[in-house]
Structures are given as structure tokens and as C-alpha cells.
Amino acid sequence: MENDQFMCPTDIITGIVFIDGELAMLTLTADGELRWTEYGLRQYLSMKKDVLGFIVEGKQIRVKAVVEKEAGGICCGQFGGDFVRKDFVFEPLIDQNGWCYKLRQYLDSLG
């Protein structure tokens, strides 16, 4: 379920999720960024450049991505270094189906 009090006009879906056992606000923006804060650091994945796909594992959603090896974590959309596969796993507190639908819809829109 989209939470209107946290959403900006450019957000597709926003919600509170678990990431590594910690609560975080996760947003999929209309410009194709999956954004969150983890350990006090702003993180993001570009759906257009970094994300390969996603799978559902029980209550968790595992986003498969390719990230720059030297980046020291997930913070992508850049080029110039070696790349590695990295999974980003989150668990929505509510509306897992909504997250799956919006992620699939965005990925399908890329062709």
C-alpha cells in the first residue's frame, strides 16, 4: 500500500521496510531510483542501470543488481570500475504485493 504522507509527486511507491533487521524508509521514484538510508548513509540503485530483476522469497524481496566493486556497498549508476553482482534484500511491513507489482511494472516499462 502506498503511504501518501511520505510520498512526493515523483514517487511511485514508498513504505517502511526491514533491511538487515533494521527499519528503513524505501522509495521507488518515477525516475527509476530505489532509495533508502542504511547505517546513516543514503543508498540507491538505478532500476535502469543496476537492477537485473527481483525474486520473492517468503516475505522478503531480493533485488538482483550489478554494482561497482570499488563503491564499497550499494551506490550505483556510475561506471569506471570492476562490477560485481550484489543482492539487496528488503521486507515490506505492508503491501508486499504492491511492491512486487510496482517493481515489475517499472522493469517492464524499460523493455
Protein backbone atom coordinates (compact mmCIF):
# COMPACT_ATOMS: atom_id res chain seq x y z
CA MET A 1 0.00 0.00 0.00
CA GLU A 2 1.34 3.42 -0.90
CA ASN A 3 1.67 5.75 2.05
CA ASP A 4 0.64 9.23 0.79
CA GLN A 5 2.05 11.12 3.78
CA PHE A 6 5.61 10.07 2.82
CA MET A 7 5.28 10.26 -0.96
CA CYS A 8 6.43 13.04 -3.27
CA PRO A 9 4.79 13.58 -6.66
CA THR A 10 7.76 11.83 -8.28
CA ASP A 11 7.49 8.70 -6.11
CA ILE A 12 5.91 5.52 -7.44
CA ILE A 13 5.77 3.73 -4.06
CA THR A 14 7.16 4.45 -0.60
CA GLY A 15 6.98 2.36 2.54
CA ILE A 16 8.62 1.24 5.73
CA VAL A 17 10.62 -1.97 5.28
CA PHE A 18 13.14 -4.12 7.12
CA ILE A 19 16.68 -4.03 5.69
CA ASP A 20 19.25 -6.15 7.55
CA GLY A 21 16.86 -6.34 10.51
CA GLU A 22 16.53 -2.53 10.76
CA LEU A 23 13.53 -0.39 9.86
CA ALA A 24 14.07 1.91 6.89
CA MET A 25 12.03 4.05 4.51
CA LEU A 26 12.29 2.70 0.96
CA THR A 27 11.15 4.60 -2.13
CA LEU A 28 10.89 3.75 -5.80
CA THR A 29 10.96 7.07 -7.66
CA ALA A 30 9.44 7.85 -11.03
CA ASP A 31 12.95 8.44 -12.41
CA GLY A 32 13.84 4.83 -11.60
CA GLU A 33 15.78 5.01 -8.35
CA LEU A 34 15.24 2.66 -5.45
CA ARG A 35 16.32 4.83 -2.46
CA TRP A 36 16.81 4.14 1.24
CA THR A 37 19.03 5.03 4.20
CA GLU A 38 21.12 2.29 5.77
CA TYR A 39 23.51 2.80 8.70
CA GLY A 40 23.05 6.56 8.32
CA LEU A 41 24.10 6.51 4.66
CA ARG A 42 21.82 7.32 1.75
CA GLN A 43 21.81 4.43 -0.69
CA TYR A 44 20.25 3.91 -4.07
CA LEU A 45 20.02 1.57 -7.02
CA SER A 46 19.22 2.69 -10.53
CA MET A 47 16.48 0.46 -11.93
CA LYS A 48 17.71 1.33 -15.44
CA LYS A 49 21.44 0.69 -14.95
CA ASP A 50 21.94 -1.53 -11.91
CA VAL A 51 18.94 -3.82 -11.41
CA LEU A 52 18.78 -7.15 -13.23
CA GLY A 53 15.50 -8.30 -11.69
CA PHE A 54 13.98 -9.44 -8.41
CA ILE A 55 12.54 -12.53 -6.76
CA VAL A 56 10.19 -13.05 -3.83
CA GLU A 57 11.36 -15.31 -1.00
CA GLY A 58 8.62 -15.64 1.59
CA LYS A 59 8.09 -12.15 3.00
CA GLN A 60 11.32 -10.81 1.51
CA ILE A 61 12.00 -9.27 -1.88
CA ARG A 62 15.51 -9.89 -3.25
CA VAL A 63 16.60 -7.33 -5.86
CA LYS A 64 19.40 -8.65 -8.07
CA ALA A 65 21.85 -5.94 -9.10
CA VAL A 66 25.27 -5.29 -10.59
CA VAL A 67 27.30 -2.73 -8.63
CA GLU A 68 30.71 -1.17 -8.91
CA LYS A 69 33.19 -3.23 -6.87
CA GLU A 70 35.11 -0.23 -5.57
CA ALA A 71 31.98 1.52 -4.34
CA GLY A 72 32.05 -0.31 -1.01
CA GLY A 73 28.35 -1.04 -0.93
CA ILE A 74 25.29 -0.36 -2.97
CA CYS A 75 25.54 3.08 -4.51
CA CYS A 76 25.40 2.76 -8.21
CA GLY A 77 24.60 4.25 -11.56
CA GLN A 78 28.27 5.02 -12.16
CA PHE A 79 30.77 3.44 -14.48
CA GLY A 80 34.54 3.10 -14.48
CA GLY A 81 35.45 0.20 -12.21
CA ASP A 82 35.01 -3.52 -11.89
CA PHE A 83 31.48 -4.74 -11.32
CA VAL A 84 30.08 -7.50 -9.12
CA ARG A 85 26.65 -8.98 -8.56
CA LYS A 86 25.04 -7.91 -5.31
CA ASP A 87 21.64 -8.64 -3.85
CA PHE A 88 19.60 -6.07 -1.96
CA VAL A 89 17.02 -7.75 0.31
CA PHE A 90 14.14 -5.96 1.95
CA GLU A 91 10.92 -6.97 3.70
CA PRO A 92 7.93 -4.64 3.39
CA LEU A 93 5.92 -4.24 6.58
CA ILE A 94 2.75 -3.98 4.50
CA ASP A 95 1.72 -4.49 0.89
CA GLN A 96 4.37 -6.88 -0.43
CA ASN A 97 2.18 -7.43 -3.50
CA GLY A 98 2.13 -3.69 -4.15
CA TRP A 99 5.92 -3.55 -4.10
CA CYS A 100 6.19 -6.53 -6.43
CA TYR A 101 3.64 -5.05 -8.82
CA LYS A 102 5.34 -1.63 -8.94
CA LEU A 103 8.84 -3.12 -9.36
CA ARG A 104 7.64 -5.42 -12.15
CA GLN A 105 5.69 -2.62 -13.81
CA TYR A 106 8.75 -0.34 -13.81
CA LEU A 107 11.11 -3.03 -15.10
CA ASP A 108 8.62 -3.98 -17.84
CA SER A 109 8.38 -0.33 -18.89
CA LEU A 110 12.11 -0.40 -19.71
CA GLY A 111 11.51 -3.02 -22.38
